Amino acid sequence: MAVDPRKVLPTKINLIRLRRELAMMRRIRRVMEEKREVILHYIISMAGEYVRYQREVYEEIERIYTNYYLGAAAEGLERVKAYTSPVEGSLEVEVSTRTLFAVKTPVFKLDEGSIPPLSLPAGSDPKLMESILSMRTILEKLLKLAEYEESIQRLVKELKDTQRLINALDYVILPSYQDAIKFIKLVLEDRMREDFVRLKMIKRKMEVAK
C-alpha cells in the first residue's frame, strides 16, 4: 500500500489521486485508532471479570478438594478407587462463537449427557459425597473460565494486529504518500516556472520581431 515516489508520474491527475488516497488513509487510521481503543476497553473489562471469576472458582475448587481428601481419608483410598474405577467415558463440549467488535470469541457449552454417572453406596462419607456432587456442578464454571481466557487471548491478538497496522500507516504508508505528493508538487512547480520563463522569452522575441 505504500507509494514509491520514484515510480509515480508527476502529473496533476496523479497529484489529485494521491491526495484523495492520502485523505482515505488518514480516515482508515482514525478508524483503526478507535478500534484499538474499543478492543483495549474490552480487554481491561474482561480481564477484571476474569480475575474475579477465577478467584471464586479457585476458592470453590479448594473447598471441593478439601472435602474430597477428608472424605477419602475417612473412606480409605482403596474403597474410593473401587467407587471410581468403573467410571468410563469423556466429557463432550459444544463450541460456538460470538463476535466482540469484529473479533470472534468462543462459547463453550458442556453436554451434560456426557457426564459419567458416579453412584456411591449408602453410608459413604458425607464429605466425599459432597465433593463429588460439587465436582459435577463446577464443570460449567471451569468452561466459563476457559471462555474468558481464550476470549482475552484473541482480543490481545487483534489488538496487536491493529497496532501493527497503525504503525505501518504512521511510519510507512502515510509518509510515502506525503513524499510522493511533495515530489509531484515540486516537479509541477518547476514546470510552471519553466513555462513562465519560456512564455516571457517568446513574448520578448515577438516584441523584438515587431
Protein backbone atom coordinates (compact mmCIF):
# COMPACT_ATOMS: atom_id res chain seq x y z
CA MET A 1 0.00 0.00 0.00
CA ALA A 2 3.00 2.28 0.27
CA VAL A 3 3.84 4.54 -2.66
CA ASP A 4 7.27 4.83 -4.27
CA PRO A 5 7.68 8.49 -5.34
CA ARG A 6 10.24 7.48 -7.99
CA LYS A 7 7.65 5.33 -9.79
CA VAL A 8 4.83 7.90 -9.84
CA LEU A 9 4.42 10.07 -12.92
CA PRO A 10 4.47 13.74 -11.80
CA THR A 11 1.15 14.77 -13.30
CA LYS A 12 -1.77 16.79 -11.95
CA ILE A 13 -4.06 13.77 -12.24
CA ASN A 14 -1.72 11.69 -10.08
CA LEU A 15 -1.44 14.57 -7.61
CA ILE A 16 -5.23 14.71 -7.22
CA ARG A 17 -5.44 10.92 -6.94
CA LEU A 18 -2.72 10.70 -4.28
CA ARG A 19 -4.29 13.50 -2.24
CA ARG A 20 -7.60 11.62 -2.23
CA GLU A 21 -5.91 8.37 -1.28
CA LEU A 22 -3.96 10.13 1.48
CA ALA A 23 -7.21 11.51 2.91
CA MET A 24 -8.69 7.99 2.77
CA MET A 25 -5.64 6.51 4.56
CA ARG A 26 -5.97 9.12 7.30
CA ARG A 27 -9.63 8.15 7.75
CA ILE A 28 -8.63 4.49 7.92
CA ARG A 29 -6.07 5.36 10.58
CA ARG A 30 -8.70 7.14 12.67
CA VAL A 31 -10.98 4.09 12.41
CA MET A 32 -8.09 1.79 13.41
CA GLU A 33 -7.31 4.02 16.37
CA GLU A 34 -10.95 3.89 17.51
CA LYS A 35 -10.94 0.12 17.07
CA ARG A 36 -7.78 -0.13 19.17
CA GLU A 37 -9.36 1.87 21.98
CA VAL A 38 -12.54 -0.23 21.96
CA ILE A 39 -10.60 -3.53 21.97
CA LEU A 40 -8.40 -2.25 24.79
CA HIS A 41 -11.52 -1.34 26.76
CA TYR A 42 -12.92 -4.85 26.20
CA ILE A 43 -9.63 -6.44 27.33
CA ILE A 44 -9.41 -4.37 30.51
CA SER A 45 -13.06 -5.02 31.37
CA MET A 46 -12.88 -8.73 30.61
CA ALA A 47 -9.57 -9.14 32.46
CA GLY A 48 -11.15 -7.65 35.58
CA GLU A 49 -14.11 -10.02 35.30
CA TYR A 50 -11.75 -12.94 34.66
CA VAL A 51 -9.67 -12.24 37.79
CA ARG A 52 -12.77 -12.01 39.98
CA TYR A 53 -14.32 -15.13 38.49
CA GLN A 54 -11.05 -17.05 38.67
CA ARG A 55 -10.74 -16.24 42.36
CA GLU A 56 -14.27 -17.54 43.02
CA VAL A 57 -13.71 -20.74 41.03
CA TYR A 58 -10.34 -21.46 42.63
CA GLU A 59 -11.79 -20.97 46.12
CA GLU A 60 -14.60 -23.38 45.25
CA ILE A 61 -12.11 -25.91 43.85
CA GLU A 62 -10.09 -25.64 47.04
CA ARG A 63 -13.20 -26.42 49.11
CA ILE A 64 -14.08 -29.35 46.86
CA TYR A 65 -10.64 -30.92 47.13
CA THR A 66 -10.51 -30.32 50.87
CA ASN A 67 -13.77 -32.22 51.26
CA TYR A 68 -12.58 -34.89 48.86
CA TYR A 69 -9.34 -35.51 50.76
CA LEU A 70 -11.18 -35.59 54.09
CA GLY A 71 -13.76 -37.98 52.64
CA ALA A 72 -11.11 -40.15 51.00
CA ALA A 73 -9.20 -40.30 54.29
CA ALA A 74 -12.37 -41.38 56.07
CA GLU A 75 -13.35 -43.98 53.46
CA GLY A 76 -9.86 -45.19 52.60
CA LEU A 77 -8.13 -44.88 49.23
CA GLU A 78 -8.87 -48.45 48.21
CA ARG A 79 -12.62 -48.01 48.64
CA VAL A 80 -12.55 -44.66 46.78
CA LYS A 81 -10.69 -46.29 43.88
CA ALA A 82 -13.29 -49.06 43.84
CA TYR A 83 -16.05 -46.42 43.56
CA THR A 84 -14.40 -44.52 40.70
CA SER A 85 -12.67 -47.24 38.66
CA PRO A 86 -15.84 -48.42 36.82
CA VAL A 87 -16.47 -44.90 35.54
CA GLU A 88 -15.57 -44.53 31.84
CA GLY A 89 -16.09 -42.05 29.05
CA SER A 90 -15.08 -38.47 28.38
CA LEU A 91 -16.78 -35.10 28.56
CA GLU A 92 -18.14 -33.51 25.40
CA VAL A 93 -18.22 -29.76 24.85
CA GLU A 94 -20.18 -27.86 22.21
CA VAL A 95 -18.16 -24.97 20.78
CA SER A 96 -19.73 -21.95 19.12
CA THR A 97 -18.62 -18.35 18.62
CA ARG A 98 -19.81 -14.84 19.34
CA THR A 99 -18.50 -11.57 17.96
CA LEU A 100 -16.99 -8.81 20.09
CA PHE A 101 -16.23 -5.79 17.91
CA ALA A 102 -15.40 -7.88 14.82
CA VAL A 103 -13.44 -10.40 16.90
CA LYS A 104 -14.80 -13.95 17.07
CA THR A 105 -14.61 -15.32 20.60
CA PRO A 106 -15.53 -18.87 21.72
CA VAL A 107 -18.57 -20.04 23.65
CA PHE A 108 -18.27 -23.42 25.40
CA LYS A 109 -21.31 -25.45 26.47
CA LEU A 110 -21.00 -28.71 28.34
CA ASP A 111 -23.04 -31.66 27.10
CA GLU A 112 -24.49 -32.79 30.42
CA GLY A 113 -25.35 -36.14 28.92
CA SER A 114 -21.65 -36.89 28.57
CA ILE A 115 -21.03 -36.59 32.33
CA PRO A 116 -20.48 -40.16 33.51
CA PRO A 117 -22.70 -41.25 36.41
CA LEU A 118 -21.00 -41.99 39.71
CA SER A 119 -23.06 -43.62 42.42
CA LEU A 120 -21.72 -44.05 45.92
CA PRO A 121 -23.04 -46.76 48.22
CA ALA A 122 -25.29 -45.80 51.10
CA GLY A 123 -23.39 -44.81 54.18
CA SER A 124 -20.48 -43.22 52.28
CA ASP A 125 -18.72 -40.34 53.96
CA PRO A 126 -20.80 -37.11 53.57
CA LYS A 127 -17.77 -35.00 52.66
CA LEU A 128 -16.82 -37.44 49.89
CA MET A 129 -20.37 -37.34 48.51
CA GLU A 130 -20.47 -33.55 48.72
CA SER A 131 -17.14 -33.19 46.89
CA ILE A 132 -18.22 -35.47 44.05
CA LEU A 133 -21.53 -33.64 43.61
CA SER A 134 -19.69 -30.29 43.66
CA MET A 135 -17.22 -31.51 41.03
CA ARG A 136 -20.12 -32.13 38.66
CA THR A 137 -21.53 -28.65 39.19
CA ILE A 138 -18.22 -26.81 38.84
CA LEU A 139 -17.57 -28.10 35.32
CA GLU A 140 -19.68 -25.31 33.79
CA LYS A 141 -17.71 -22.72 35.76
CA LEU A 142 -14.41 -24.16 34.52
CA LEU A 143 -15.66 -23.90 30.93
CA LYS A 144 -16.70 -20.29 31.59
CA LEU A 145 -13.20 -19.61 32.88
CA ALA A 146 -11.75 -21.15 29.71
CA GLU A 147 -14.05 -18.87 27.66
CA TYR A 148 -12.62 -15.83 29.42
CA GLU A 149 -9.03 -16.96 28.82
CA GLU A 150 -9.50 -17.73 25.12
CA SER A 151 -11.50 -14.55 24.51
CA ILE A 152 -8.82 -12.39 26.13
CA GLN A 153 -6.09 -14.10 24.08
CA ARG A 154 -7.99 -13.46 20.83
CA LEU A 155 -8.67 -9.84 21.75
CA VAL A 156 -5.00 -9.31 22.59
CA LYS A 157 -4.01 -10.80 19.21
CA GLU A 158 -6.46 -8.48 17.44
CA LEU A 159 -5.09 -5.54 19.42
CA LYS A 160 -1.54 -6.39 18.31
CA ASP A 161 -2.63 -6.72 14.66
CA THR A 162 -4.44 -3.38 14.85
CA GLN A 163 -1.42 -1.69 16.41
CA ARG A 164 0.84 -3.13 13.69
CA LEU A 165 -1.45 -1.67 11.03
CA ILE A 166 -1.44 1.72 12.77
CA ASN A 167 2.37 1.62 12.92
CA ALA A 168 2.54 0.73 9.23
CA LEU A 169 0.29 3.68 8.42
CA ASP A 170 2.27 6.05 10.63
CA TYR A 171 5.79 5.07 9.62
CA VAL A 172 5.49 3.67 6.09
CA ILE A 173 2.26 4.28 4.21
CA LEU A 174 1.36 7.86 5.16
CA PRO A 175 4.96 9.16 4.83
CA SER A 176 5.26 7.53 1.40
CA TYR A 177 2.12 9.31 0.20
CA GLN A 178 3.33 12.61 1.65
CA ASP A 179 6.72 12.19 -0.05
CA ALA A 180 5.08 11.33 -3.39
CA ILE A 181 2.77 14.35 -3.19
CA LYS A 182 5.68 16.61 -2.27
CA PHE A 183 7.74 15.26 -5.17
CA ILE A 184 4.94 15.82 -7.70
CA LYS A 185 4.28 19.33 -6.39
CA LEU A 186 7.98 20.23 -6.75
CA VAL A 187 8.10 18.87 -10.30
CA LEU A 188 4.91 20.69 -11.30
CA GLU A 189 6.14 23.94 -9.74
CA ASP A 190 9.44 23.62 -11.66
CA ARG A 191 7.50 23.05 -14.87
CA MET A 192 5.33 26.09 -14.19
CA ARG A 193 8.42 28.24 -13.68
CA GLU A 194 9.99 26.87 -16.85
CA ASP A 195 6.78 27.51 -18.79
CA PHE A 196 6.58 31.04 -17.38
CA VAL A 197 10.20 31.81 -18.38
CA ARG A 198 9.62 30.27 -21.82
CA LEU A 199 6.50 32.35 -22.38
CA LYS A 200 8.33 35.53 -21.39
CA MET A 201 11.15 34.73 -23.81
CA ILE A 202 8.65 34.05 -26.60
CA LYS A 203 6.83 37.29 -25.83
CA ARG A 204 10.13 39.23 -25.86
CA LYS A 205 11.14 37.69 -29.19
CA MET A 206 7.76 38.56 -30.68
CA GLU A 207 8.11 42.16 -29.48
CA VAL A 208 11.65 42.39 -31.00
CA ALA A 209 10.38 40.93 -34.23
CA LYS A 210 7.71 43.62 -34.45
